[in-house]
Protein backbone atom coordinates (compact mmCIF):
# COMPACT_ATOMS: atom_id res chain seq x y z
CA MET A 1 -93.05 44.46 -9.06
CA ARG A 2 -91.71 46.03 -5.88
CA VAL A 3 -94.62 44.58 -3.91
CA ARG A 4 -93.95 41.11 -5.33
CA TRP A 5 -90.26 41.32 -4.42
CA SER A 6 -91.19 42.43 -0.89
CA ARG A 7 -93.48 39.44 -0.50
CA GLN A 8 -90.76 37.07 -1.68
CA LEU A 9 -88.32 38.47 0.86
CA HIS A 10 -90.95 38.18 3.57
CA LEU A 11 -91.56 34.52 2.64
CA LEU A 12 -87.82 33.79 2.47
CA ARG A 13 -87.35 35.27 5.93
CA TRP A 14 -89.82 32.85 7.50
CA VAL A 15 -88.50 29.92 5.50
CA LEU A 16 -85.04 30.59 6.94
CA LEU A 17 -86.43 30.67 10.45
CA VAL A 18 -88.33 27.40 9.96
CA VAL A 19 -85.20 25.72 8.57
CA ALA A 20 -83.18 26.99 11.53
CA VAL A 21 -85.66 25.51 13.99
CA LEU A 22 -85.73 22.17 12.14
CA VAL A 23 -81.92 22.01 12.04
CA LEU A 24 -81.76 22.77 15.75
CA VAL A 25 -84.23 19.98 16.55
CA VAL A 26 -82.40 17.44 14.35
CA PHE A 27 -79.05 18.37 15.87
CA VAL A 28 -80.30 18.02 19.43
CA LEU A 29 -81.99 14.66 18.77
CA ALA A 30 -78.91 13.25 17.02
CA GLN A 31 -76.37 14.10 19.72
CA ARG A 32 -75.98 10.47 20.79
CA GLN A 33 -75.08 9.28 17.30
CA SER A 34 -71.52 8.75 16.15
CA ILE A 35 -69.79 9.11 12.79
CA GLU A 36 -67.99 6.03 11.47
CA VAL A 37 -67.26 5.11 7.87
CA SER A 38 -65.13 2.01 7.29
CA TYR A 39 -64.77 -1.24 5.39
CA GLY A 40 -65.90 -3.09 8.52
CA GLN A 41 -64.60 -4.07 11.93
CA SER A 42 -62.09 -6.90 11.82
CA PRO A 43 -63.32 -9.94 13.79
CA SER A 44 -59.75 -10.73 14.87
CA SER A 45 -59.77 -8.23 17.77
CA SER A 46 -59.98 -11.13 20.24
CA VAL A 47 -57.00 -13.00 18.73
CA ARG A 48 -53.96 -12.42 20.87
CA ILE A 49 -50.80 -14.22 21.96
CA GLU A 50 -52.17 -14.80 25.42
CA GLU A 51 -50.10 -14.57 28.56
CA GLY A 52 -49.85 -16.98 31.46
CA ALA A 53 -52.15 -19.76 30.24
CA ALA A 54 -50.98 -19.90 26.62
CA GLY A 55 -48.27 -22.52 27.15
CA GLU A 56 -45.44 -20.02 26.74
CA LEU A 57 -43.60 -21.25 29.85
CA SER A 58 -41.28 -24.21 29.36
CA ASP A 59 -40.03 -26.79 31.85
CA ALA A 60 -36.55 -25.25 31.76
CA THR A 61 -35.09 -23.74 34.93
CA VAL A 62 -31.93 -21.81 35.77
CA PRO A 63 -29.52 -22.11 38.72
CA SER A 64 -29.40 -19.56 41.51
CA THR A 65 -27.97 -16.13 40.82
CA GLN A 66 -24.82 -16.98 42.82
CA GLU A 67 -24.24 -20.18 40.87
CA MET A 68 -24.66 -18.39 37.54
CA THR A 69 -22.33 -15.63 38.71
CA THR A 70 -19.68 -18.24 39.49
CA LEU A 71 -20.12 -19.89 36.08
CA VAL A 72 -19.80 -16.57 34.23
CA ALA A 73 -16.67 -15.67 36.21
CA ALA A 74 -15.06 -18.93 35.09
CA ASP A 75 -16.02 -18.81 31.40
CA SER A 76 -16.71 -15.95 28.98
CA VAL A 77 -19.64 -17.83 27.38
CA VAL A 78 -22.03 -19.81 29.60
CA ARG A 79 -24.87 -21.83 28.02
CA LEU A 80 -27.45 -23.00 30.51
CA PRO A 81 -29.40 -26.25 29.88
CA GLY A 82 -32.21 -25.71 27.39
CA ALA A 83 -30.59 -22.64 25.73
CA VAL A 84 -31.48 -22.40 22.03
CA ALA A 85 -29.65 -19.29 20.75
CA HIS A 86 -26.77 -19.73 18.30
CA TRP A 87 -24.43 -17.32 16.55
CA ASP A 88 -21.48 -17.02 14.22
CA GLU A 89 -18.60 -17.29 16.66
CA GLN A 90 -16.11 -15.70 14.29
CA ARG A 91 -18.22 -12.56 13.79
CA VAL A 92 -18.93 -12.24 17.51
CA ARG A 93 -15.21 -12.65 18.38
CA GLU A 94 -14.39 -9.91 15.89
CA ALA A 95 -17.00 -7.66 17.52
CA ILE A 96 -15.60 -8.36 21.02
CA GLY A 97 -11.97 -7.79 20.09
CA ASP A 98 -9.83 -7.50 23.21
CA ALA A 99 -12.72 -6.43 25.47
CA ASP A 100 -13.80 -8.52 28.44
CA ILE A 101 -17.30 -9.41 27.26
CA ARG A 102 -19.06 -12.27 29.07
CA ILE A 103 -22.20 -13.84 27.63
CA LEU A 104 -24.84 -15.75 29.59
CA VAL A 105 -27.29 -17.79 27.46
CA ALA A 106 -30.54 -18.93 29.11
CA PRO A 107 -33.44 -21.03 27.73
CA PRO A 108 -36.74 -19.53 26.60
CA GLY A 109 -40.01 -19.87 28.52
CA LEU A 110 -38.72 -18.85 31.96
CA ASP A 111 -41.17 -17.50 34.51
CA GLU A 112 -40.74 -14.04 36.01
CA ALA A 113 -38.76 -15.25 39.04
CA GLU A 114 -36.27 -17.08 36.80
CA HIS A 115 -36.03 -14.04 34.53
CA GLU A 116 -35.16 -11.96 37.57
CA ARG A 117 -32.41 -14.38 38.66
CA VAL A 118 -30.80 -14.14 35.21
CA ARG A 119 -31.00 -10.32 35.24
CA GLU A 120 -29.28 -10.23 38.65
CA VAL A 121 -26.10 -11.87 37.30
CA GLU A 122 -24.08 -8.66 37.36
CA ASN A 123 -20.84 -9.97 35.86
CA ALA A 124 -22.65 -11.06 32.66
CA THR A 125 -22.06 -8.30 30.09
CA VAL A 126 -24.64 -9.73 27.68
CA ARG A 127 -27.66 -11.89 28.56
CA VAL A 128 -29.47 -14.00 25.98
CA ILE A 129 -32.85 -15.32 27.17
CA GLY A 130 -34.31 -17.47 24.44
CA THR A 131 -33.30 -15.31 21.48
CA GLN A 132 -33.65 -11.92 23.18
CA VAL A 133 -30.26 -10.20 23.48
CA SER A 134 -29.78 -7.55 26.18
CA GLY A 135 -27.07 -5.90 28.19
CA GLY A 136 -26.06 -2.55 29.64
CA GLY A 137 -29.70 -1.52 29.87
CA LEU A 138 -30.13 -2.07 26.10
CA VAL A 139 -32.04 -4.65 24.08
CA ALA A 140 -30.98 -5.58 20.53
CA THR A 141 -33.84 -6.58 18.26
CA PRO A 142 -34.08 -7.14 14.49
CA ASP A 143 -35.98 -4.59 12.41
CA THR A 144 -36.05 -6.35 9.05
CA LEU A 145 -37.75 -9.47 7.73
CA ALA A 146 -34.36 -11.10 7.15
CA GLY A 147 -33.41 -10.47 10.78
CA TRP A 148 -36.67 -11.88 12.16
CA ARG A 149 -36.42 -14.88 9.81
CA ALA A 150 -32.96 -15.77 11.09
CA GLN A 151 -34.00 -15.28 14.72
CA PHE A 152 -37.21 -17.30 14.74
CA ALA A 153 -36.49 -19.90 12.03
CA THR A 154 -32.99 -20.94 13.20
CA HIS A 155 -32.51 -19.18 16.60
CA ASP A 156 -29.68 -17.15 15.09
CA VAL A 157 -28.75 -14.06 17.16
CA THR A 158 -25.50 -13.15 15.42
CA ASN A 159 -26.63 -9.73 14.19
CA GLN A 160 -28.12 -8.78 17.57
CA LEU A 161 -25.00 -9.82 19.49
CA ALA A 162 -22.64 -8.01 17.12
CA ALA A 163 -24.74 -4.83 17.21
CA LEU A 164 -25.11 -4.80 21.03
CA ILE A 165 -21.43 -5.52 21.67
CA ALA A 166 -20.41 -2.74 19.27
CA ARG A 167 -22.75 -0.36 21.09
CA LEU A 168 -21.35 -1.33 24.50
CA ARG A 169 -17.80 -0.78 23.20
CA LYS A 170 -18.84 2.50 21.51
CA ALA A 171 -17.56 1.04 18.22
CA PRO A 172 -19.14 1.56 14.77
CA ALA A 173 -22.22 -0.57 14.19
CA PRO A 174 -21.40 -3.66 12.08
CA THR A 175 -23.16 -4.39 8.82
CA GLU A 176 -26.17 -6.64 9.27
CA ARG A 177 -26.04 -9.85 7.27
CA GLY A 178 -28.78 -12.25 6.20
CA GLU A 179 -27.71 -15.58 7.65
CA VAL A 180 -30.52 -17.84 6.38
CA ARG A 181 -29.79 -20.04 3.38
CA TRP A 182 -32.31 -22.01 1.32
CA ARG A 183 -32.39 -25.31 -0.55
CA GLU A 184 -34.87 -27.05 -2.79
CA PRO A 185 -36.77 -29.81 -0.99
CA SER A 186 -36.11 -33.28 -2.34
CA GLU A 187 -38.74 -35.06 -4.39
CA ARG A 188 -39.41 -37.41 -1.47
CA GLU A 189 -39.81 -34.53 1.00
CA LEU A 190 -42.11 -32.65 -1.34
CA ALA A 191 -44.21 -35.74 -2.09
CA THR A 192 -44.72 -36.47 1.63
CA VAL A 193 -45.77 -32.91 2.40
CA LEU A 194 -48.01 -32.66 -0.67
CA ALA A 195 -49.82 -35.92 0.18
CA ASP A 196 -50.69 -34.63 3.68
CA LEU A 197 -51.84 -31.29 2.31
CA ARG A 198 -54.13 -32.82 -0.28
CA THR A 199 -55.57 -35.17 2.33
CA GLY A 200 -56.15 -32.90 5.31
CA GLY A 201 -54.91 -29.43 4.38
CA SER A 202 -51.93 -29.47 6.75
CA HIS A 203 -48.57 -31.15 7.31
CA VAL A 204 -46.82 -31.25 10.68
CA GLY A 205 -43.18 -32.21 10.51
CA ARG A 206 -41.37 -34.21 13.17
CA GLY A 207 -40.51 -31.96 16.12
CA ALA A 208 -43.14 -29.31 15.28
CA THR A 209 -45.62 -28.43 18.04
CA LEU A 210 -48.63 -27.49 15.89
CA ASP A 211 -51.57 -29.57 17.16
CA GLY A 212 -54.15 -28.21 14.74
CA VAL A 213 -55.00 -25.07 12.77
CA PRO A 214 -57.20 -22.56 14.69
CA GLU A 215 -60.26 -22.94 12.49
CA GLN A 216 -62.25 -19.78 13.27
CA VAL A 217 -59.46 -17.29 12.59
CA ALA A 218 -58.24 -19.40 9.66
CA ARG A 219 -61.64 -18.99 7.96
CA THR A 220 -61.57 -15.21 8.30
CA ALA A 221 -57.94 -14.95 7.17
CA PHE A 222 -58.38 -17.23 4.14
CA PRO A 223 -62.11 -17.69 3.38
CA ASP A 224 -61.36 -20.11 0.52
CA GLY A 225 -59.06 -22.23 2.65
CA ALA A 226 -55.26 -22.60 2.77
CA TRP A 227 -52.58 -25.24 3.15
CA TYR A 228 -50.47 -25.22 6.31
CA VAL A 229 -46.97 -26.69 6.70
CA ALA A 230 -45.48 -26.69 10.22
CA LEU A 231 -41.82 -27.53 10.80
CA PRO A 232 -39.70 -27.13 13.94
CA ALA A 233 -37.02 -24.47 14.16
CA GLN A 234 -34.29 -25.53 11.73
CA PRO A 235 -30.75 -26.43 12.81
CA TYR A 236 -28.47 -23.40 12.91
CA GLY A 237 -26.23 -23.06 9.89
CA GLU A 238 -28.14 -25.53 7.70
CA PRO A 239 -30.18 -24.40 4.69
CA LEU A 240 -33.97 -24.35 5.05
CA PRO A 241 -36.13 -26.41 2.68
CA ALA A 242 -38.04 -23.88 0.55
CA TYR A 243 -41.46 -25.57 0.65
CA GLY A 244 -43.41 -22.36 -0.08
CA PRO A 245 -42.08 -21.66 -3.60
CA ALA A 246 -42.03 -25.36 -4.48
CA LEU A 247 -45.66 -25.89 -3.47
CA SER A 248 -46.74 -22.66 -5.20
CA ARG A 249 -45.35 -23.97 -8.47
CA LEU A 250 -47.50 -27.10 -8.12
CA ALA A 251 -50.64 -25.26 -6.90
CA PRO A 252 -50.35 -21.60 -7.99
CA ASP A 253 -53.90 -20.67 -6.91
CA GLN A 254 -53.61 -22.19 -3.43
CA PRO A 255 -52.76 -20.00 -0.37
CA ILE A 256 -49.86 -21.67 1.47
CA VAL A 257 -48.65 -20.90 5.01
CA VAL A 258 -45.30 -22.39 6.08
CA MET A 259 -43.94 -22.32 9.65
CA TYR A 260 -40.29 -22.81 10.58
CA GLY A 261 -40.42 -22.78 14.37
CA GLY A 262 -41.75 -19.31 15.21
CA TRP A 263 -41.22 -17.92 11.70
CA ILE A 264 -44.23 -17.86 9.35
CA GLU A 265 -44.20 -17.32 5.59
CA TYR A 266 -47.07 -16.92 3.12
CA HIS A 267 -46.92 -17.97 -0.52
CA GLY A 268 -49.67 -17.95 -3.10
CA PRO A 269 -52.23 -15.49 -4.53
CA ALA A 270 -51.62 -11.81 -3.68
CA ALA A 271 -48.40 -12.65 -1.80
CA ALA A 272 -46.63 -9.64 -3.30
CA GLU A 273 -49.43 -7.35 -2.10
CA PHE A 274 -49.72 -8.29 1.54
CA ALA A 275 -47.30 -11.02 2.74
CA ASP A 276 -44.48 -8.68 3.74
CA LEU A 277 -46.89 -6.18 5.28
CA ALA A 278 -48.55 -8.85 7.43
CA ALA A 279 -45.19 -10.29 8.50
CA VAL A 280 -43.68 -6.92 9.43
CA SER A 281 -46.82 -5.91 11.35
CA PHE A 282 -46.92 -9.21 13.23
CA TYR A 283 -43.25 -9.55 14.20
CA ALA A 284 -42.82 -5.87 15.03
CA GLN A 285 -45.68 -6.27 17.52
CA ALA A 286 -45.13 -9.82 18.83
CA GLY A 287 -41.41 -10.33 18.26
CA SER A 288 -40.36 -9.30 21.76
CA ARG A 289 -42.51 -11.93 23.50
CA LEU A 290 -41.80 -14.61 20.92
CA SER A 291 -38.08 -14.18 21.50
CA ARG A 292 -38.31 -14.71 25.30
CA TYR A 293 -41.00 -17.37 25.61
CA ASP A 294 -41.69 -20.82 24.23
CA TYR A 295 -45.14 -20.43 22.64
CA PRO A 296 -46.75 -23.45 20.96
CA GLN A 297 -46.96 -23.04 17.20
CA ARG A 298 -50.78 -23.08 17.35
CA ASN A 299 -50.78 -19.85 19.37
CA VAL A 300 -48.24 -18.18 17.10
CA LEU A 301 -50.17 -19.24 13.98
CA GLY A 302 -53.48 -18.01 15.44
CA ALA A 303 -52.03 -14.57 16.19
CA TYR A 304 -50.46 -14.36 12.71
CA LEU A 305 -53.75 -15.29 11.02
CA GLY A 306 -55.42 -12.58 13.10
CA LYS A 307 -52.99 -10.05 11.64
CA VAL A 308 -53.74 -11.35 8.13
CA THR A 309 -57.45 -10.88 8.87
CA ASP A 310 -56.81 -7.28 9.95
CA VAL A 311 -55.03 -6.61 6.67
CA ARG A 312 -57.83 -8.24 4.68
CA TYR A 313 -60.55 -6.23 6.45
CA ALA A 314 -58.60 -3.06 5.70
CA GLY A 315 -59.16 -3.86 2.02
CA LEU A 316 -55.45 -3.99 1.20
CA PHE A 317 -55.17 -7.26 -0.74
CA ASP A 318 -56.97 -9.97 -2.66
CA ARG A 319 -60.72 -9.26 -2.55
CA PRO A 320 -61.67 -6.41 -0.20
CA LEU A 321 -64.86 -6.84 1.78
CA PRO A 322 -67.89 -4.92 0.47
CA TYR A 323 -67.74 -1.23 1.22
CA ARG A 324 -70.11 -0.14 3.99
CA PRO A 325 -72.17 2.86 2.76
CA LEU A 326 -71.90 6.01 4.80
CA ASP A 327 -74.87 7.46 6.70
CA PRO A 328 -75.54 10.96 5.26
CA LEU A 329 -77.10 12.18 8.51
CA ARG A 330 -74.08 11.21 10.59
CA VAL A 331 -71.67 12.77 8.14
CA ALA A 332 -73.75 15.99 7.98
CA LEU A 333 -74.07 16.43 11.76
CA PRO A 334 -70.95 18.62 12.16
CA ALA A 335 -72.36 21.05 9.57
CA LEU A 336 -75.76 21.50 11.22
CA PRO A 337 -74.70 24.26 13.68
CA TRP A 338 -73.30 26.27 10.77
CA ILE A 339 -76.52 25.82 8.78
CA PHE A 340 -78.52 26.93 11.82
CA THR A 341 -76.35 30.01 12.32
CA GLY A 342 -76.61 30.95 8.63
CA CYS A 343 -80.41 30.63 8.63
CA VAL A 344 -80.78 32.77 11.76
CA ALA A 345 -78.37 35.38 10.39
CA GLY A 346 -80.35 35.50 7.14
CA PHE A 347 -83.57 35.86 9.11
CA LEU A 348 -82.16 38.78 11.11
CA VAL A 349 -80.85 40.57 8.01
CA LEU A 350 -84.16 40.23 6.18
CA SER A 351 -86.04 41.32 9.33
CA ALA A 352 -83.93 44.46 9.58
CA ARG A 353 -84.62 45.28 5.93
CA SER A 354 -88.34 44.75 6.52
CA LEU A 355 -88.35 47.04 9.55
CA ARG A 356 -86.50 49.79 7.74
CA ARG A 357 -88.82 49.55 4.76
CA SER A 358 -91.98 49.68 6.87
CA GLY A 359 -90.67 52.65 8.86
CA VAL A 360 -91.01 50.85 12.20
CA LEU A 361 -87.44 51.64 13.19
CA GLY A 362 -87.18 55.29 14.19
CA ALA A 363 -90.54 56.36 12.69
CA ALA A 364 -91.90 59.67 14.04
CA GLY A 365 -94.71 59.27 16.54
CA ARG A 366 -93.95 55.52 16.85
CA ALA A 367 -91.34 55.57 19.61
CA ARG A 368 -93.01 52.68 21.40
CA HIS A 369 -92.84 50.55 18.26
CA GLY A 370 -89.22 51.59 17.70
CA ALA A 371 -88.27 50.53 21.21
CA GLY A 372 -90.15 47.26 20.68
CA ALA A 373 -88.22 46.58 17.48
CA ALA A 374 -84.93 47.20 19.27
CA ARG A 375 -85.98 44.91 22.09
CA LEU A 376 -87.04 42.26 19.56
CA ALA A 377 -83.63 42.45 17.87
CA GLY A 378 -81.83 42.11 21.21
CA LEU A 379 -83.94 39.14 22.30
CA THR A 380 -83.49 37.47 18.91
CA ALA A 381 -79.71 37.84 19.21
CA LEU A 382 -79.92 36.36 22.71
CA ALA A 383 -81.94 33.40 21.39
CA VAL A 384 -79.30 32.73 18.72
CA GLU A 385 -76.44 32.75 21.22
CA VAL A 386 -78.11 30.64 23.90
CA SER A 387 -79.39 28.07 21.37
CA LEU A 388 -75.85 26.72 20.99
CA LEU A 389 -75.78 25.88 24.71
CA THR A 390 -79.19 24.31 25.27
CA ASP A 391 -79.96 20.66 25.91
CA ALA A 392 -83.04 18.44 26.00
CA ARG A 393 -84.21 20.03 29.28
CA SER A 394 -83.92 23.64 28.16
CA ASN A 395 -84.93 23.23 24.51
CA PRO A 396 -88.73 23.52 25.15
CA ALA A 397 -88.40 26.93 26.84
CA LEU A 398 -86.13 28.15 24.02
CA THR A 399 -88.59 26.92 21.38
CA ARG A 400 -91.49 28.69 23.08
CA GLY A 401 -89.41 31.87 23.33
CA ILE A 402 -88.56 31.75 19.62
CA GLY A 403 -92.25 31.27 18.87
CA LYS A 404 -93.15 34.40 20.85
CA LEU A 405 -90.43 36.34 19.02
CA GLN A 406 -91.91 35.21 15.70
CA ALA A 407 -95.34 36.41 16.81
CA ALA A 408 -93.90 39.76 17.90
CA ARG A 409 -92.14 40.11 14.52
CA SER A 410 -95.43 39.46 12.70
CA ALA A 411 -97.23 42.01 14.91
CA LEU A 412 -94.61 44.65 14.09
CA ASP A 413 -94.78 43.90 10.37
CA ASP A 414 -98.60 44.12 10.40
CA GLY A 415 -98.58 47.39 12.37
CA LEU A 416 -100.52 45.97 15.35
CA PRO A 417 -100.76 48.05 18.54
CA ALA A 418 -97.53 48.48 20.47
CA ARG A 419 -99.16 47.10 23.61
CA HIS A 420 -99.74 43.76 21.89
CA VAL A 421 -96.16 43.70 20.65
CA TRP A 422 -94.80 44.36 24.12
CA GLU A 423 -96.98 41.64 25.66
CA LEU A 424 -95.50 39.13 23.24
CA LEU A 425 -91.99 40.38 23.99
CA ASP A 426 -92.66 40.07 27.73
CA GLU A 427 -93.70 36.45 27.23
CA ALA A 428 -90.63 35.78 25.08
CA THR A 429 -88.46 37.42 27.79
CA ALA A 430 -89.90 35.08 30.43
CA GLU A 431 -89.22 32.00 28.29
CA LEU A 432 -85.63 33.08 27.49
CA ASP A 433 -85.06 33.83 31.17
CA GLU A 434 -86.18 30.29 31.98
CA THR A 435 -83.83 28.97 29.31
CA ALA A 436 -80.86 30.89 30.75
CA ARG A 437 -81.60 29.60 34.24
CA MET A 438 -81.65 25.99 32.98
CA VAL A 439 -78.41 26.52 31.06
CA GLY A 440 -76.90 28.03 34.20
CA ILE A 441 -75.31 31.17 32.72
CA ALA A 442 -76.49 34.33 34.46
CA SER A 443 -75.17 36.63 31.73
CA TYR A 444 -77.70 35.15 29.29
CA ARG A 445 -80.69 36.16 31.40
CA PRO A 446 -82.55 38.88 29.39
CA ALA A 447 -82.26 41.52 32.11
CA SER A 448 -78.47 41.23 32.09
CA TYR A 449 -78.07 40.65 28.37
CA LEU A 450 -80.17 43.64 27.25
CA GLN A 451 -78.82 46.07 29.83
CA GLY A 452 -77.44 49.05 28.00
CA ARG A 453 -78.48 47.74 24.56
CA LEU A 454 -81.81 49.62 24.35
CA SER A 455 -80.67 53.00 25.61
């Protein structure tokens, strides 16, 4: 029974060594692979609100800095031609109080030189370019859906002005109010819109700039199709026609996208699951540029649909895309060095037990064998340490060295002459020395590594 157990340990020892070598080879060959498990890469990565050539610059211009300075000195509120921003004058007057606050309102879509002229008007306490409100080195922006809706659907900047003026005066921040009001569309309005939608899938109201739905990104955002209603920015202070809810009642299974100027709403299936998330993500990212420039609605819609596509490919609403199975090899790669180390450690422990049992270590009259066993142990430890640093160029020498160490171990176990054992160890030493030179670490050369270990 003892003999059988000894044979099993001997077999296990070599199995561990073989597994260690296989793991090392697999790990080295797989170094160029990467680990990635996901639902899929969203195809909307190329959809952006482009700069320069995207039609965001308008025909509006501004006077010279000196002329604007003169205008601001003469009047506390100066609206330049083409300005679109509006606000609740009563609330803003309350925020100003008795302070000397002067507001300069410029149109959206200015180029960089015109932006710079507006910024150089030093006697303007607050500057409004498009619907972006700034002053005193600060910029006031909405951070809620209600705030973005008021800004982009009706060009309302009341909350931003009140907040910025309070900050400049070091007064308490005012309570933000939702300024947008809604109304039911009339039967005639709804019938006109519905007829266009059923005919061509879109309705473009008078004054809207949408010249067509971007088809490619629309297909990825809503694979089953959607209806699109585009309206211009609504007059400030007037209620907005609530086309989304009205159309959803008539076609509850139909995705519906409604634009009011630069504001986009989604109504239809899964709206509660993703509509607010898509809107917050989009306007938090693009709101700054949309407030300063005059983008065509097609560009704004394309970028919004790209955000919807990102949400869909993340598997967050409606029907997630099929899950992409993981690659077991790629996931297991980080564990391979630990498996290799465990196998080598097991091999060394079982080898030490075998040597002690056979009397090779420290046996009387076998000093040469004892020294050979010690040298074998030292070289094996060196092979383990340097294996973690090798590459494709140095792996062959390391593999040959490990092979010589295996042969030397077998010779010791079988009680072969010491001279044969030492010849194998000399050959292993030469291969490990070559490995250390290729790795470029002098301390791993056998002569340096084993110094003092065999005394």
